[in-house]
N, C-alpha and C. Protein backbone atom coordinates (compact mmCIF):
# COMPACT_ATOMS: atom_id res chain seq x y z
N MET A 1 21.91 50.93 40.17
CA MET A 1 21.39 50.00 39.25
C MET A 1 22.19 50.06 37.95
N GLN A 2 22.55 48.87 37.55
CA GLN A 2 23.37 48.78 36.35
C GLN A 2 22.50 48.35 35.18
N VAL A 3 22.60 49.02 34.08
CA VAL A 3 21.80 48.73 32.89
C VAL A 3 22.58 47.75 32.00
N ILE A 4 21.89 46.64 31.72
CA ILE A 4 22.52 45.65 30.85
C ILE A 4 22.05 45.93 29.43
N PRO A 5 22.99 46.10 28.53
CA PRO A 5 22.58 46.41 27.15
C PRO A 5 21.95 45.18 26.50
N LYS A 6 20.89 45.42 25.74
CA LYS A 6 20.21 44.34 25.03
C LYS A 6 21.01 43.97 23.79
N LYS A 7 21.08 42.65 23.57
CA LYS A 7 21.79 42.19 22.38
C LYS A 7 20.81 42.23 21.21
N LYS A 8 21.32 42.67 20.13
CA LYS A 8 20.49 42.70 18.93
C LYS A 8 20.50 41.32 18.30
N ARG A 9 19.30 40.85 17.97
CA ARG A 9 19.19 39.55 17.31
C ARG A 9 19.45 39.73 15.83
N LYS A 10 20.28 38.87 15.35
CA LYS A 10 20.60 38.91 13.94
C LYS A 10 19.67 37.93 13.21
N ALA A 11 19.11 38.34 12.11
CA ALA A 11 18.19 37.48 11.35
C ALA A 11 18.95 36.29 10.78
N MET A 12 18.30 35.12 10.90
CA MET A 12 18.92 33.90 10.39
C MET A 12 18.67 33.82 8.89
N SER A 13 19.73 33.71 8.10
CA SER A 13 19.58 33.73 6.66
C SER A 13 19.76 32.34 6.04
N GLU A 14 19.80 31.31 6.85
CA GLU A 14 19.97 29.95 6.34
C GLU A 14 18.63 29.23 6.36
N ILE A 15 18.46 28.32 5.44
CA ILE A 15 17.26 27.49 5.38
C ILE A 15 17.63 26.11 5.89
N ASN A 16 16.85 25.61 6.80
CA ASN A 16 17.09 24.28 7.34
C ASN A 16 16.47 23.26 6.37
N VAL A 17 17.31 22.51 5.65
CA VAL A 17 16.83 21.59 4.63
C VAL A 17 16.69 20.16 5.13
N VAL A 18 17.03 19.91 6.36
CA VAL A 18 16.98 18.54 6.90
C VAL A 18 15.56 17.96 6.82
N PRO A 19 14.51 18.69 7.19
CA PRO A 19 13.17 18.11 7.06
C PRO A 19 12.80 17.77 5.61
N TYR A 20 13.26 18.58 4.67
CA TYR A 20 12.96 18.32 3.27
C TYR A 20 13.68 17.06 2.79
N ILE A 21 14.88 16.85 3.25
CA ILE A 21 15.63 15.64 2.89
C ILE A 21 14.93 14.42 3.47
N ASP A 22 14.43 14.51 4.68
CA ASP A 22 13.71 13.39 5.29
C ASP A 22 12.47 13.03 4.48
N VAL A 23 11.72 14.03 4.09
CA VAL A 23 10.51 13.79 3.31
C VAL A 23 10.87 13.18 1.96
N MET A 24 11.92 13.69 1.33
CA MET A 24 12.34 13.16 0.04
C MET A 24 12.75 11.69 0.14
N LEU A 25 13.47 11.33 1.18
CA LEU A 25 13.89 9.94 1.36
C LEU A 25 12.69 9.02 1.61
N VAL A 26 11.72 9.48 2.37
CA VAL A 26 10.51 8.68 2.60
C VAL A 26 9.76 8.47 1.29
N LEU A 27 9.61 9.52 0.48
CA LEU A 27 8.94 9.38 -0.80
C LEU A 27 9.71 8.45 -1.74
N LEU A 28 11.02 8.53 -1.72
CA LEU A 28 11.83 7.65 -2.54
C LEU A 28 11.60 6.18 -2.18
N ILE A 29 11.56 5.89 -0.90
CA ILE A 29 11.34 4.52 -0.44
C ILE A 29 9.94 4.05 -0.84
N VAL A 30 8.95 4.91 -0.67
CA VAL A 30 7.58 4.54 -1.04
C VAL A 30 7.49 4.21 -2.53
N PHE A 31 8.10 5.03 -3.39
CA PHE A 31 8.05 4.78 -4.82
C PHE A 31 8.85 3.53 -5.20
N MET A 32 9.94 3.26 -4.51
CA MET A 32 10.73 2.07 -4.80
C MET A 32 9.95 0.80 -4.44
N VAL A 33 9.15 0.87 -3.40
CA VAL A 33 8.38 -0.31 -2.98
C VAL A 33 7.16 -0.51 -3.87
N THR A 34 6.49 0.57 -4.26
CA THR A 34 5.24 0.43 -5.02
C THR A 34 5.44 0.27 -6.51
N ALA A 35 6.56 0.68 -7.07
CA ALA A 35 6.78 0.59 -8.52
C ALA A 35 6.68 -0.83 -9.04
N PRO A 36 7.29 -1.83 -8.41
CA PRO A 36 7.15 -3.20 -8.95
C PRO A 36 5.72 -3.73 -8.84
N LEU A 37 4.94 -3.23 -7.90
CA LEU A 37 3.58 -3.71 -7.72
C LEU A 37 2.65 -3.26 -8.84
N LEU A 38 3.04 -2.22 -9.56
CA LEU A 38 2.21 -1.72 -10.64
C LEU A 38 2.29 -2.60 -11.88
N ASP A 39 3.32 -3.42 -11.97
CA ASP A 39 3.55 -4.27 -13.13
C ASP A 39 3.05 -5.67 -12.84
N GLN A 40 1.77 -5.91 -13.12
CA GLN A 40 1.19 -7.23 -12.88
C GLN A 40 0.87 -7.87 -14.21
N GLY A 41 1.02 -9.18 -14.25
CA GLY A 41 0.71 -9.92 -15.46
C GLY A 41 1.85 -9.89 -16.45
N ILE A 42 1.63 -10.53 -17.55
CA ILE A 42 2.60 -10.64 -18.64
C ILE A 42 2.05 -9.83 -19.81
N GLU A 43 2.94 -9.32 -20.63
CA GLU A 43 2.49 -8.53 -21.77
C GLU A 43 1.88 -9.45 -22.82
N VAL A 44 0.60 -9.32 -23.00
CA VAL A 44 -0.13 -10.10 -24.00
C VAL A 44 -1.00 -9.15 -24.81
N GLU A 45 -1.37 -9.58 -25.99
CA GLU A 45 -2.29 -8.79 -26.81
C GLU A 45 -3.70 -9.17 -26.40
N LEU A 46 -4.32 -8.31 -25.62
CA LEU A 46 -5.65 -8.62 -25.08
C LEU A 46 -6.71 -8.56 -26.16
N PRO A 47 -7.70 -9.45 -26.09
CA PRO A 47 -8.81 -9.38 -27.04
C PRO A 47 -9.70 -8.19 -26.72
N GLU A 48 -10.39 -7.72 -27.74
CA GLU A 48 -11.32 -6.61 -27.55
C GLU A 48 -12.69 -7.15 -27.20
N ALA A 49 -13.37 -6.45 -26.30
CA ALA A 49 -14.72 -6.85 -25.91
C ALA A 49 -15.53 -5.60 -25.61
N ASN A 50 -16.78 -5.62 -26.04
CA ASN A 50 -17.68 -4.50 -25.80
C ASN A 50 -18.47 -4.81 -24.52
N SER A 51 -17.84 -4.61 -23.39
CA SER A 51 -18.48 -4.91 -22.11
C SER A 51 -18.17 -3.81 -21.11
N GLU A 52 -18.94 -3.81 -20.05
CA GLU A 52 -18.77 -2.82 -19.00
C GLU A 52 -17.52 -3.15 -18.17
N PRO A 53 -16.80 -2.14 -17.69
CA PRO A 53 -15.65 -2.40 -16.84
C PRO A 53 -16.07 -3.06 -15.53
N LEU A 54 -15.18 -3.89 -15.00
CA LEU A 54 -15.45 -4.55 -13.72
C LEU A 54 -15.32 -3.57 -12.57
N ASN A 55 -16.13 -3.75 -11.56
CA ASN A 55 -15.97 -2.97 -10.34
C ASN A 55 -14.99 -3.72 -9.44
N ILE A 56 -13.72 -3.42 -9.61
CA ILE A 56 -12.68 -4.11 -8.84
C ILE A 56 -12.32 -3.24 -7.65
N ASP A 57 -12.41 -3.82 -6.47
CA ASP A 57 -12.05 -3.12 -5.24
C ASP A 57 -10.53 -3.11 -5.13
N GLU A 58 -9.93 -1.92 -5.14
CA GLU A 58 -8.47 -1.81 -5.09
C GLU A 58 -7.91 -2.19 -3.73
N ASN A 59 -8.74 -2.30 -2.73
CA ASN A 59 -8.27 -2.69 -1.40
C ASN A 59 -8.13 -4.20 -1.26
N ILE A 60 -8.74 -4.95 -2.18
CA ILE A 60 -8.67 -6.40 -2.14
C ILE A 60 -7.56 -6.84 -3.11
N GLU A 61 -6.77 -7.80 -2.69
CA GLU A 61 -5.68 -8.29 -3.51
C GLU A 61 -6.21 -8.98 -4.76
N THR A 62 -5.41 -8.93 -5.82
CA THR A 62 -5.77 -9.60 -7.06
C THR A 62 -4.67 -10.57 -7.45
N LEU A 63 -5.07 -11.63 -8.10
CA LEU A 63 -4.16 -12.63 -8.64
C LEU A 63 -4.41 -12.69 -10.14
N VAL A 64 -3.38 -12.43 -10.93
CA VAL A 64 -3.52 -12.42 -12.37
C VAL A 64 -2.87 -13.67 -12.95
N VAL A 65 -3.66 -14.43 -13.70
CA VAL A 65 -3.17 -15.60 -14.42
C VAL A 65 -3.08 -15.20 -15.89
N SER A 66 -1.88 -15.32 -16.47
CA SER A 66 -1.67 -14.89 -17.85
C SER A 66 -1.40 -16.09 -18.75
N LEU A 67 -2.01 -16.07 -19.94
CA LEU A 67 -1.78 -17.10 -20.94
C LEU A 67 -1.26 -16.40 -22.19
N THR A 68 -0.05 -16.77 -22.63
CA THR A 68 0.57 -16.11 -23.78
C THR A 68 0.16 -16.78 -25.08
N ALA A 69 0.59 -16.20 -26.19
CA ALA A 69 0.27 -16.75 -27.51
C ALA A 69 0.89 -18.14 -27.70
N SER A 70 1.99 -18.41 -27.01
CA SER A 70 2.63 -19.72 -27.13
C SER A 70 2.13 -20.68 -26.04
N ASP A 71 0.99 -20.37 -25.44
CA ASP A 71 0.33 -21.20 -24.43
C ASP A 71 1.15 -21.39 -23.16
N GLU A 72 2.00 -20.41 -22.84
CA GLU A 72 2.72 -20.44 -21.57
C GLU A 72 1.85 -19.76 -20.52
N ILE A 73 1.87 -20.29 -19.30
CA ILE A 73 1.03 -19.78 -18.22
C ILE A 73 1.93 -19.11 -17.19
N TYR A 74 1.51 -17.93 -16.73
CA TYR A 74 2.26 -17.18 -15.72
C TYR A 74 1.32 -16.79 -14.59
N LEU A 75 1.85 -16.79 -13.36
CA LEU A 75 1.14 -16.27 -12.19
C LEU A 75 1.94 -15.08 -11.68
N ASN A 76 1.26 -14.09 -11.12
CA ASN A 76 1.97 -12.92 -10.62
C ASN A 76 2.22 -13.00 -9.12
N ILE A 77 2.63 -14.15 -8.64
CA ILE A 77 2.87 -14.33 -7.20
C ILE A 77 4.35 -14.13 -6.91
N GLY A 78 4.72 -13.02 -6.30
CA GLY A 78 6.06 -12.82 -5.77
C GLY A 78 7.16 -12.51 -6.75
N ALA A 79 6.99 -12.68 -8.05
CA ALA A 79 8.06 -12.39 -9.01
C ALA A 79 7.60 -11.30 -9.96
N PHE A 80 8.56 -10.45 -10.34
CA PHE A 80 8.24 -9.33 -11.20
C PHE A 80 9.21 -9.29 -12.38
N GLY A 81 8.74 -8.75 -13.49
CA GLY A 81 9.60 -8.51 -14.64
C GLY A 81 10.24 -9.77 -15.19
N GLU A 82 11.54 -9.73 -15.35
CA GLU A 82 12.28 -10.84 -15.95
C GLU A 82 12.36 -12.06 -15.05
N GLU A 83 12.03 -11.91 -13.77
CA GLU A 83 12.12 -13.03 -12.84
C GLU A 83 10.97 -14.02 -13.03
N ARG A 84 9.95 -13.64 -13.76
CA ARG A 84 8.80 -14.52 -13.93
C ARG A 84 9.17 -15.73 -14.78
N GLN A 85 8.61 -16.85 -14.40
CA GLN A 85 8.82 -18.07 -15.16
C GLN A 85 7.47 -18.70 -15.44
N SER A 86 7.38 -19.34 -16.59
CA SER A 86 6.12 -20.01 -16.91
C SER A 86 5.95 -21.22 -15.99
N VAL A 87 4.70 -21.55 -15.72
CA VAL A 87 4.38 -22.66 -14.82
C VAL A 87 3.48 -23.65 -15.54
N THR A 88 3.41 -24.85 -15.01
CA THR A 88 2.54 -25.89 -15.59
C THR A 88 1.13 -25.76 -15.02
N LEU A 89 0.20 -26.46 -15.63
CA LEU A 89 -1.18 -26.45 -15.14
C LEU A 89 -1.26 -26.99 -13.71
N ASP A 90 -0.49 -28.03 -13.41
CA ASP A 90 -0.50 -28.59 -12.05
C ASP A 90 -0.03 -27.56 -11.03
N THR A 91 1.02 -26.80 -11.40
CA THR A 91 1.54 -25.77 -10.51
C THR A 91 0.51 -24.67 -10.30
N VAL A 92 -0.21 -24.32 -11.37
CA VAL A 92 -1.27 -23.31 -11.26
C VAL A 92 -2.30 -23.78 -10.24
N GLY A 93 -2.72 -25.03 -10.35
CA GLY A 93 -3.73 -25.56 -9.43
C GLY A 93 -3.27 -25.54 -7.99
N THR A 94 -2.05 -25.99 -7.71
CA THR A 94 -1.57 -26.03 -6.33
C THR A 94 -1.33 -24.63 -5.77
N GLN A 95 -0.71 -23.76 -6.57
CA GLN A 95 -0.42 -22.39 -6.09
C GLN A 95 -1.72 -21.62 -5.82
N VAL A 96 -2.66 -21.70 -6.75
CA VAL A 96 -3.91 -20.95 -6.59
C VAL A 96 -4.72 -21.50 -5.42
N SER A 97 -4.74 -22.82 -5.24
CA SER A 97 -5.49 -23.38 -4.10
C SER A 97 -4.87 -22.94 -2.78
N ARG A 98 -3.55 -22.81 -2.73
CA ARG A 98 -2.89 -22.30 -1.51
C ARG A 98 -3.26 -20.84 -1.26
N VAL A 99 -3.26 -20.06 -2.32
CA VAL A 99 -3.60 -18.64 -2.17
C VAL A 99 -5.05 -18.50 -1.73
N ILE A 100 -5.96 -19.28 -2.32
CA ILE A 100 -7.38 -19.22 -1.95
C ILE A 100 -7.57 -19.66 -0.50
N ALA A 101 -6.80 -20.65 -0.04
CA ALA A 101 -6.92 -21.11 1.34
C ALA A 101 -6.53 -20.02 2.32
N VAL A 102 -5.51 -19.24 1.97
CA VAL A 102 -5.05 -18.16 2.85
C VAL A 102 -5.93 -16.92 2.72
N ASN A 103 -6.36 -16.60 1.50
CA ASN A 103 -7.14 -15.39 1.25
C ASN A 103 -8.32 -15.73 0.34
N PRO A 104 -9.44 -16.18 0.92
CA PRO A 104 -10.58 -16.59 0.09
C PRO A 104 -11.25 -15.43 -0.66
N SER A 105 -11.00 -14.20 -0.27
CA SER A 105 -11.65 -13.07 -0.93
C SER A 105 -10.80 -12.49 -2.06
N ILE A 106 -9.70 -13.14 -2.41
CA ILE A 106 -8.83 -12.61 -3.47
C ILE A 106 -9.57 -12.63 -4.81
N GLN A 107 -9.33 -11.61 -5.62
CA GLN A 107 -9.93 -11.52 -6.94
C GLN A 107 -9.00 -12.18 -7.95
N VAL A 108 -9.50 -13.13 -8.71
CA VAL A 108 -8.70 -13.82 -9.71
C VAL A 108 -9.07 -13.29 -11.08
N LEU A 109 -8.06 -12.79 -11.80
CA LEU A 109 -8.26 -12.24 -13.13
C LEU A 109 -7.46 -13.07 -14.12
N ILE A 110 -8.04 -13.32 -15.28
CA ILE A 110 -7.37 -14.09 -16.33
C ILE A 110 -7.15 -13.16 -17.51
N GLU A 111 -5.90 -13.13 -18.00
CA GLU A 111 -5.62 -12.40 -19.23
C GLU A 111 -5.01 -13.36 -20.22
N GLY A 112 -5.55 -13.36 -21.42
CA GLY A 112 -5.07 -14.27 -22.45
C GLY A 112 -4.82 -13.53 -23.74
N ASP A 113 -3.79 -13.94 -24.43
CA ASP A 113 -3.46 -13.35 -25.72
C ASP A 113 -4.55 -13.71 -26.73
N THR A 114 -4.80 -12.82 -27.69
CA THR A 114 -5.85 -13.08 -28.68
C THR A 114 -5.54 -14.30 -29.54
N SER A 115 -4.27 -14.61 -29.71
CA SER A 115 -3.91 -15.77 -30.52
C SER A 115 -3.61 -17.00 -29.68
N ALA A 116 -3.96 -16.97 -28.40
CA ALA A 116 -3.76 -18.14 -27.54
C ALA A 116 -4.73 -19.24 -27.93
N ASN A 117 -4.34 -20.45 -27.67
CA ASN A 117 -5.16 -21.62 -27.98
C ASN A 117 -6.38 -21.64 -27.05
N TRP A 118 -7.58 -21.75 -27.63
CA TRP A 118 -8.81 -21.76 -26.82
C TRP A 118 -8.84 -22.98 -25.91
N GLY A 119 -8.33 -24.10 -26.37
CA GLY A 119 -8.28 -25.30 -25.54
C GLY A 119 -7.42 -25.09 -24.30
N ALA A 120 -6.30 -24.39 -24.44
CA ALA A 120 -5.44 -24.10 -23.29
C ALA A 120 -6.15 -23.17 -22.31
N MET A 121 -6.93 -22.23 -22.84
CA MET A 121 -7.69 -21.32 -21.96
C MET A 121 -8.74 -22.08 -21.17
N VAL A 122 -9.41 -23.01 -21.81
CA VAL A 122 -10.42 -23.81 -21.12
C VAL A 122 -9.77 -24.65 -20.02
N LYS A 123 -8.59 -25.20 -20.30
CA LYS A 123 -7.87 -25.97 -19.29
C LYS A 123 -7.51 -25.10 -18.09
N VAL A 124 -7.06 -23.88 -18.34
CA VAL A 124 -6.70 -22.96 -17.25
C VAL A 124 -7.93 -22.65 -16.41
N ILE A 125 -9.05 -22.37 -17.05
CA ILE A 125 -10.29 -22.06 -16.32
C ILE A 125 -10.73 -23.26 -15.49
N THR A 126 -10.62 -24.46 -16.05
CA THR A 126 -11.01 -25.67 -15.33
C THR A 126 -10.13 -25.88 -14.11
N VAL A 127 -8.83 -25.69 -14.26
CA VAL A 127 -7.90 -25.86 -13.13
C VAL A 127 -8.19 -24.81 -12.05
N LEU A 128 -8.50 -23.58 -12.46
CA LEU A 128 -8.82 -22.54 -11.47
C LEU A 128 -10.09 -22.89 -10.71
N GLN A 129 -11.09 -23.40 -11.39
CA GLN A 129 -12.33 -23.78 -10.70
C GLN A 129 -12.09 -24.94 -9.75
N GLU A 130 -11.27 -25.90 -10.14
CA GLU A 130 -10.94 -27.01 -9.25
C GLU A 130 -10.13 -26.54 -8.04
N ALA A 131 -9.37 -25.44 -8.20
CA ALA A 131 -8.57 -24.90 -7.10
C ALA A 131 -9.41 -24.07 -6.14
N GLY A 132 -10.68 -23.81 -6.48
CA GLY A 132 -11.55 -23.09 -5.57
C GLY A 132 -11.93 -21.69 -6.01
N VAL A 133 -11.56 -21.30 -7.21
CA VAL A 133 -11.93 -19.98 -7.73
C VAL A 133 -13.36 -20.07 -8.24
N SER A 134 -14.24 -19.32 -7.60
CA SER A 134 -15.66 -19.42 -7.96
C SER A 134 -16.04 -18.52 -9.12
N ASN A 135 -15.38 -17.36 -9.26
CA ASN A 135 -15.79 -16.41 -10.28
C ASN A 135 -14.58 -15.70 -10.88
N PRO A 136 -13.83 -16.37 -11.77
CA PRO A 136 -12.71 -15.66 -12.39
C PRO A 136 -13.22 -14.66 -13.41
N ASN A 137 -12.54 -13.55 -13.54
CA ASN A 137 -12.91 -12.52 -14.51
C ASN A 137 -11.82 -12.41 -15.57
N PHE A 138 -12.21 -12.01 -16.76
CA PHE A 138 -11.27 -11.87 -17.87
C PHE A 138 -10.86 -10.42 -18.04
N ILE A 139 -9.60 -10.22 -18.35
CA ILE A 139 -9.08 -8.88 -18.64
C ILE A 139 -9.13 -8.72 -20.16
N THR A 140 -9.83 -7.71 -20.62
CA THR A 140 -9.91 -7.40 -22.06
C THR A 140 -9.66 -5.91 -22.24
N GLN A 141 -9.58 -5.52 -23.47
CA GLN A 141 -9.48 -4.08 -23.75
C GLN A 141 -10.74 -3.65 -24.48
N PRO A 142 -11.11 -2.38 -24.33
CA PRO A 142 -12.33 -1.93 -24.98
C PRO A 142 -12.21 -1.95 -26.52
N VAL A 143 -13.34 -2.11 -27.18
CA VAL A 143 -13.36 -2.12 -28.65
C VAL A 143 -13.01 -0.72 -29.13
N GLN A 144 -12.05 -0.69 -30.04
CA GLN A 144 -11.63 0.60 -30.60
C GLN A 144 -12.43 0.90 -31.85
N SER A 145 -13.11 2.03 -31.85
CA SER A 145 -13.91 2.39 -33.02
C SER A 145 -12.99 3.05 -34.06
N ASN A 146 -13.25 2.72 -35.30
CA ASN A 146 -12.41 3.23 -36.39
C ASN A 146 -12.98 4.45 -36.99
C-alpha cells in the first residue's frame, strides 16, 4: 500500500470584490433613475397656511400643477428641471383630462406662488375641474412662528 501525502491547503488571502461591484452598480442605477423623480413642480414661494398636512398615499401617482408669480403654468408630466416649459390653460385642460382618463385615481396638487394673480389661480382651478379633477389639493407651507 502506497501512502499518498496530503496537500496542505493554503489560506486564500484575496477578497472577491465582484459581488460588491455588482451591488454598487445596481444602487447607482437606482439612484440615477429616482433622483429626477424627487424634483416635482416649479420653485415657487408657497403661501403659509395653518392647516393639517394631507394624507397623501405615496403609492398613488401625483400630478403637480404650478403657477408662478408671473402667472406661468407648469405641469410635471415627463419633463424635469430646465426641460420644463410653461403651458397654456387649454393645454392644461387637454393634458390633465388625458391623464385622468388613463389614471382616474391620480392625486392632483396645485402649488401657487404667494404673489400669483388670484384670477389666474381661479382659472386654473376651473380648467382642472372641467378636465375631471374632483378634488384638487393645494400645496402650502406651515406657518412659521416668530
